[in-house]
Amino acid sequence: MDKSELFTAFDDVSNNLMENFAQVELMKKKMQEIMEENSQLRLENAKLRERLSDVAGKMPAKSSSQGRRNLESIYEDGFHVCNDDYGKRRDDNEDCLFCMELLNRE
């Protein structure tokens, strides 16, 4: 390798280092932006969770007995409430063992 080739190689390496340095700086800046956004989102998420727990605490709990009463009403109207035939009309209002088992569960 003569001197000019050596200097050209050094210039190429130097240029590559400068380009890589610029890319690293750009990546650092982008990472900083992402970390700031992440912090803001974490704070917002914490506030929303706190508000949700406050709102959920104020809402009256629905009882499962209301759901059972709804199913019984549907069954008395002549429709299946079992998983296999839910919503289908019962033939001649005959009792369905699957529906009865579901309604009599505790």
N, C-alpha and C. Protein backbone atom coordinates (compact mmCIF):
# COMPACT_ATOMS: atom_id res chain seq x y z
N MET A 1 0.84 -1.17 0.00
CA MET A 1 0.00 0.00 0.00
C MET A 1 0.89 1.24 0.00
N ASP A 2 0.63 2.11 -0.93
CA ASP A 2 1.41 3.34 -0.92
C ASP A 2 0.73 4.38 -0.05
N LYS A 3 1.36 5.55 0.07
CA LYS A 3 0.88 6.57 0.99
C LYS A 3 -0.50 7.09 0.61
N SER A 4 -0.73 7.29 -0.68
CA SER A 4 -2.03 7.85 -1.11
C SER A 4 -3.16 6.86 -0.82
N GLU A 5 -2.92 5.59 -1.03
CA GLU A 5 -3.94 4.58 -0.71
C GLU A 5 -4.20 4.53 0.78
N LEU A 6 -3.14 4.67 1.56
CA LEU A 6 -3.27 4.66 3.01
C LEU A 6 -4.08 5.87 3.49
N PHE A 7 -3.79 7.05 2.94
CA PHE A 7 -4.56 8.24 3.32
C PHE A 7 -6.02 8.12 2.86
N THR A 8 -6.24 7.54 1.71
CA THR A 8 -7.61 7.33 1.22
C THR A 8 -8.35 6.38 2.15
N ALA A 9 -7.67 5.34 2.58
CA ALA A 9 -8.29 4.38 3.51
C ALA A 9 -8.62 5.07 4.84
N PHE A 10 -7.69 5.90 5.34
CA PHE A 10 -7.96 6.64 6.58
C PHE A 10 -9.14 7.59 6.40
N ASP A 11 -9.21 8.26 5.26
CA ASP A 11 -10.33 9.17 5.00
C ASP A 11 -11.65 8.40 4.97
N ASP A 12 -11.64 7.24 4.33
CA ASP A 12 -12.86 6.42 4.27
C ASP A 12 -13.30 5.98 5.66
N VAL A 13 -12.35 5.53 6.46
CA VAL A 13 -12.65 5.11 7.83
C VAL A 13 -13.17 6.30 8.63
N SER A 14 -12.53 7.44 8.47
CA SER A 14 -12.95 8.65 9.18
C SER A 14 -14.37 9.06 8.78
N ASN A 15 -14.67 9.01 7.50
CA ASN A 15 -16.03 9.34 7.02
C ASN A 15 -17.06 8.35 7.57
N ASN A 16 -16.69 7.07 7.57
CA ASN A 16 -17.60 6.06 8.11
C ASN A 16 -17.86 6.30 9.60
N LEU A 17 -16.80 6.66 10.33
CA LEU A 17 -16.95 6.95 11.76
C LEU A 17 -17.87 8.14 11.98
N MET A 18 -17.73 9.17 11.17
CA MET A 18 -18.57 10.37 11.29
C MET A 18 -20.04 10.02 10.99
N GLU A 19 -20.27 9.22 9.96
CA GLU A 19 -21.64 8.81 9.63
C GLU A 19 -22.23 7.96 10.76
N ASN A 20 -21.43 7.04 11.28
CA ASN A 20 -21.90 6.20 12.39
C ASN A 20 -22.19 7.04 13.62
N PHE A 21 -21.34 8.03 13.90
CA PHE A 21 -21.55 8.91 15.04
C PHE A 21 -22.86 9.68 14.88
N ALA A 22 -23.12 10.17 13.67
CA ALA A 22 -24.37 10.91 13.41
C ALA A 22 -25.58 9.99 13.62
N GLN A 23 -25.47 8.75 13.18
CA GLN A 23 -26.57 7.79 13.37
C GLN A 23 -26.79 7.50 14.85
N VAL A 24 -25.70 7.35 15.59
CA VAL A 24 -25.80 7.08 17.03
C VAL A 24 -26.46 8.26 17.73
N GLU A 25 -26.08 9.48 17.39
CA GLU A 25 -26.68 10.67 17.99
C GLU A 25 -28.17 10.74 17.67
N LEU A 26 -28.53 10.42 16.43
CA LEU A 26 -29.94 10.42 16.04
C LEU A 26 -30.72 9.36 16.83
N MET A 27 -30.11 8.20 17.00
CA MET A 27 -30.75 7.13 17.77
C MET A 27 -30.91 7.53 19.24
N LYS A 28 -29.91 8.21 19.80
CA LYS A 28 -29.99 8.68 21.19
C LYS A 28 -31.14 9.67 21.35
N LYS A 29 -31.25 10.59 20.39
CA LYS A 29 -32.32 11.59 20.45
C LYS A 29 -33.69 10.92 20.37
N LYS A 30 -33.83 9.98 19.46
CA LYS A 30 -35.11 9.27 19.30
C LYS A 30 -35.43 8.47 20.56
N MET A 31 -34.42 7.83 21.14
CA MET A 31 -34.61 7.05 22.36
C MET A 31 -35.06 7.95 23.51
N GLN A 32 -34.49 9.14 23.61
CA GLN A 32 -34.88 10.09 24.64
C GLN A 32 -36.35 10.49 24.47
N GLU A 33 -36.77 10.74 23.23
CA GLU A 33 -38.17 11.09 22.96
C GLU A 33 -39.10 9.95 23.36
N ILE A 34 -38.71 8.74 23.03
CA ILE A 34 -39.53 7.57 23.36
C ILE A 34 -39.63 7.40 24.87
N MET A 35 -38.53 7.59 25.57
CA MET A 35 -38.55 7.45 27.03
C MET A 35 -39.43 8.51 27.69
N GLU A 36 -39.39 9.75 27.17
CA GLU A 36 -40.25 10.80 27.71
C GLU A 36 -41.72 10.48 27.47
N GLU A 37 -42.03 10.03 26.26
CA GLU A 37 -43.41 9.66 25.95
C GLU A 37 -43.86 8.50 26.83
N ASN A 38 -42.99 7.54 27.04
CA ASN A 38 -43.31 6.39 27.88
C ASN A 38 -43.62 6.84 29.31
N SER A 39 -42.84 7.77 29.83
CA SER A 39 -43.09 8.28 31.18
C SER A 39 -44.44 8.97 31.27
N GLN A 40 -44.75 9.79 30.26
CA GLN A 40 -46.04 10.47 30.24
C GLN A 40 -47.19 9.46 30.18
N LEU A 41 -47.04 8.44 29.36
CA LEU A 41 -48.09 7.43 29.23
C LEU A 41 -48.26 6.63 30.51
N ARG A 42 -47.16 6.36 31.21
CA ARG A 42 -47.26 5.65 32.48
C ARG A 42 -48.03 6.47 33.51
N LEU A 43 -47.75 7.78 33.57
CA LEU A 43 -48.47 8.65 34.50
C LEU A 43 -49.96 8.71 34.14
N GLU A 44 -50.24 8.88 32.86
CA GLU A 44 -51.63 8.93 32.41
C GLU A 44 -52.35 7.62 32.71
N ASN A 45 -51.67 6.52 32.48
CA ASN A 45 -52.25 5.20 32.75
C ASN A 45 -52.56 5.04 34.23
N ALA A 46 -51.65 5.48 35.09
CA ALA A 46 -51.87 5.38 36.54
C ALA A 46 -53.08 6.21 36.96
N LYS A 47 -53.19 7.42 36.41
CA LYS A 47 -54.33 8.28 36.73
C LYS A 47 -55.64 7.66 36.25
N LEU A 48 -55.62 7.09 35.05
CA LEU A 48 -56.83 6.45 34.52
C LEU A 48 -57.23 5.23 35.34
N ARG A 49 -56.25 4.44 35.77
CA ARG A 49 -56.56 3.28 36.61
C ARG A 49 -57.18 3.72 37.94
N GLU A 50 -56.63 4.80 38.51
CA GLU A 50 -57.17 5.31 39.77
C GLU A 50 -58.60 5.80 39.57
N ARG A 51 -58.83 6.51 38.49
CA ARG A 51 -60.18 7.01 38.20
C ARG A 51 -61.14 5.85 37.95
N LEU A 52 -60.68 4.84 37.23
CA LEU A 52 -61.52 3.68 36.96
C LEU A 52 -61.90 2.96 38.24
N SER A 53 -60.96 2.82 39.15
CA SER A 53 -61.28 2.15 40.41
C SER A 53 -62.26 2.99 41.22
N ASP A 54 -62.15 4.33 41.16
CA ASP A 54 -63.11 5.19 41.85
C ASP A 54 -64.50 5.03 41.27
N VAL A 55 -64.59 5.04 39.94
CA VAL A 55 -65.89 4.92 39.27
C VAL A 55 -66.48 3.53 39.51
N ALA A 56 -65.65 2.50 39.44
CA ALA A 56 -66.13 1.13 39.65
C ALA A 56 -66.61 0.95 41.09
N GLY A 57 -65.99 1.64 42.03
CA GLY A 57 -66.40 1.53 43.43
C GLY A 57 -67.75 2.18 43.68
N LYS A 58 -68.11 3.17 42.88
CA LYS A 58 -69.38 3.87 43.06
C LYS A 58 -70.55 3.17 42.38
N MET A 59 -70.26 2.31 41.40
CA MET A 59 -71.33 1.63 40.66
C MET A 59 -71.89 0.49 41.50
N PRO A 60 -73.21 0.35 41.50
CA PRO A 60 -73.79 -0.78 42.24
C PRO A 60 -73.50 -2.09 41.53
N ALA A 61 -73.21 -3.09 42.29
CA ALA A 61 -72.91 -4.41 41.71
C ALA A 61 -74.19 -5.08 41.28
N LYS A 62 -74.18 -5.65 40.07
CA LYS A 62 -75.34 -6.38 39.59
C LYS A 62 -75.33 -7.76 40.21
N SER A 63 -76.48 -8.18 40.60
CA SER A 63 -76.55 -9.51 41.21
C SER A 63 -76.77 -10.55 40.13
N SER A 64 -76.23 -11.73 40.38
CA SER A 64 -76.41 -12.80 39.41
C SER A 64 -77.83 -13.33 39.44
N SER A 65 -78.57 -13.02 40.52
CA SER A 65 -79.95 -13.49 40.59
C SER A 65 -80.80 -12.80 39.53
N GLN A 66 -80.45 -11.59 39.15
CA GLN A 66 -81.19 -10.91 38.09
C GLN A 66 -81.01 -11.65 36.77
N GLY A 67 -79.80 -12.10 36.49
CA GLY A 67 -79.56 -12.88 35.28
C GLY A 67 -80.33 -14.19 35.29
N ARG A 68 -80.37 -14.82 36.46
CA ARG A 68 -81.12 -16.07 36.59
C ARG A 68 -82.61 -15.81 36.34
N ARG A 69 -83.12 -14.70 36.89
CA ARG A 69 -84.54 -14.37 36.67
C ARG A 69 -84.82 -14.12 35.20
N ASN A 70 -83.89 -13.48 34.52
CA ASN A 70 -84.06 -13.25 33.08
C ASN A 70 -84.11 -14.56 32.32
N LEU A 71 -83.21 -15.50 32.67
CA LEU A 71 -83.23 -16.81 32.01
C LEU A 71 -84.53 -17.55 32.29
N GLU A 72 -85.00 -17.49 33.53
CA GLU A 72 -86.26 -18.15 33.88
C GLU A 72 -87.41 -17.55 33.09
N SER A 73 -87.42 -16.25 32.93
CA SER A 73 -88.47 -15.58 32.16
C SER A 73 -88.45 -16.02 30.70
N ILE A 74 -87.25 -16.10 30.14
CA ILE A 74 -87.13 -16.56 28.75
C ILE A 74 -87.62 -17.99 28.62
N TYR A 75 -87.26 -18.83 29.59
CA TYR A 75 -87.67 -20.24 29.57
C TYR A 75 -89.19 -20.34 29.68
N GLU A 76 -89.79 -19.54 30.57
CA GLU A 76 -91.24 -19.57 30.75
C GLU A 76 -91.97 -19.06 29.51
N ASP A 77 -91.31 -18.23 28.72
CA ASP A 77 -91.91 -17.74 27.47
C ASP A 77 -91.84 -18.79 26.37
N GLY A 78 -91.22 -19.94 26.66
CA GLY A 78 -91.21 -21.04 25.70
C GLY A 78 -89.94 -21.17 24.89
N PHE A 79 -88.85 -20.62 25.37
CA PHE A 79 -87.59 -20.70 24.64
C PHE A 79 -86.55 -21.45 25.45
N HIS A 80 -85.62 -22.07 24.73
CA HIS A 80 -84.50 -22.76 25.38
C HIS A 80 -83.52 -21.74 25.95
N VAL A 81 -82.91 -22.09 27.08
CA VAL A 81 -81.84 -21.28 27.66
C VAL A 81 -80.55 -22.09 27.80
N CYS A 82 -80.58 -23.35 27.37
CA CYS A 82 -79.39 -24.20 27.44
C CYS A 82 -78.41 -23.82 26.32
N ASN A 83 -77.17 -24.25 26.48
CA ASN A 83 -76.12 -23.89 25.51
C ASN A 83 -76.40 -24.43 24.12
N ASP A 84 -76.94 -25.63 24.03
CA ASP A 84 -77.12 -26.26 22.73
C ASP A 84 -78.20 -25.60 21.89
N ASP A 85 -79.30 -25.22 22.51
CA ASP A 85 -80.46 -24.72 21.75
C ASP A 85 -80.90 -23.33 22.17
N TYR A 86 -80.02 -22.54 22.72
CA TYR A 86 -80.39 -21.23 23.26
C TYR A 86 -81.15 -20.40 22.22
N GLY A 87 -82.31 -19.90 22.64
CA GLY A 87 -83.10 -19.01 21.80
C GLY A 87 -84.07 -19.72 20.89
N LYS A 88 -83.95 -21.04 20.76
CA LYS A 88 -84.90 -21.79 19.92
C LYS A 88 -86.17 -22.03 20.72
N ARG A 89 -87.30 -22.03 20.02
CA ARG A 89 -88.58 -22.26 20.69
C ARG A 89 -88.67 -23.73 21.09
N ARG A 90 -89.18 -23.95 22.33
CA ARG A 90 -89.38 -25.32 22.81
C ARG A 90 -90.66 -25.87 22.18
N ASP A 91 -90.60 -27.11 21.70
CA ASP A 91 -91.76 -27.75 21.09
C ASP A 91 -92.84 -27.98 22.13
N ASP A 92 -94.01 -27.43 21.91
CA ASP A 92 -95.18 -27.61 22.79
C ASP A 92 -94.84 -27.31 24.24
N ASN A 93 -93.93 -26.39 24.48
CA ASN A 93 -93.51 -26.02 25.83
C ASN A 93 -93.08 -27.21 26.68
N GLU A 94 -92.52 -28.24 26.02
CA GLU A 94 -92.02 -29.40 26.76
C GLU A 94 -90.78 -28.99 27.54
N ASP A 95 -90.61 -29.59 28.71
CA ASP A 95 -89.44 -29.29 29.52
C ASP A 95 -88.18 -29.83 28.85
N CYS A 96 -87.11 -29.08 28.98
CA CYS A 96 -85.80 -29.49 28.46
C CYS A 96 -84.91 -29.77 29.66
N LEU A 97 -84.37 -30.98 29.73
CA LEU A 97 -83.53 -31.34 30.87
C LEU A 97 -82.28 -30.46 30.98
N PHE A 98 -81.72 -30.09 29.84
CA PHE A 98 -80.52 -29.25 29.86
C PHE A 98 -80.84 -27.85 30.41
N CYS A 99 -81.98 -27.30 29.97
CA CYS A 99 -82.40 -25.99 30.47
C CYS A 99 -82.70 -26.06 31.96
N MET A 100 -83.39 -27.11 32.36
CA MET A 100 -83.76 -27.26 33.77
C MET A 100 -82.50 -27.38 34.64
N GLU A 101 -81.52 -28.13 34.15
CA GLU A 101 -80.28 -28.29 34.91
C GLU A 101 -79.58 -26.93 35.06
N LEU A 102 -79.58 -26.14 34.00
CA LEU A 102 -78.96 -24.83 34.04
C LEU A 102 -79.69 -23.91 35.02
N LEU A 103 -81.00 -23.93 35.00
CA LEU A 103 -81.79 -23.05 35.87
C LEU A 103 -81.73 -23.47 37.33
N ASN A 104 -81.49 -24.75 37.59
CA ASN A 104 -81.48 -25.23 38.97
C ASN A 104 -80.07 -25.30 39.58
N ARG A 105 -79.08 -24.83 38.86
CA ARG A 105 -77.71 -24.80 39.40
C ARG A 105 -77.62 -23.79 40.52
N GLU A 106 -76.67 -24.03 41.40
CA GLU A 106 -76.44 -23.06 42.48
C GLU A 106 -75.11 -22.43 42.34
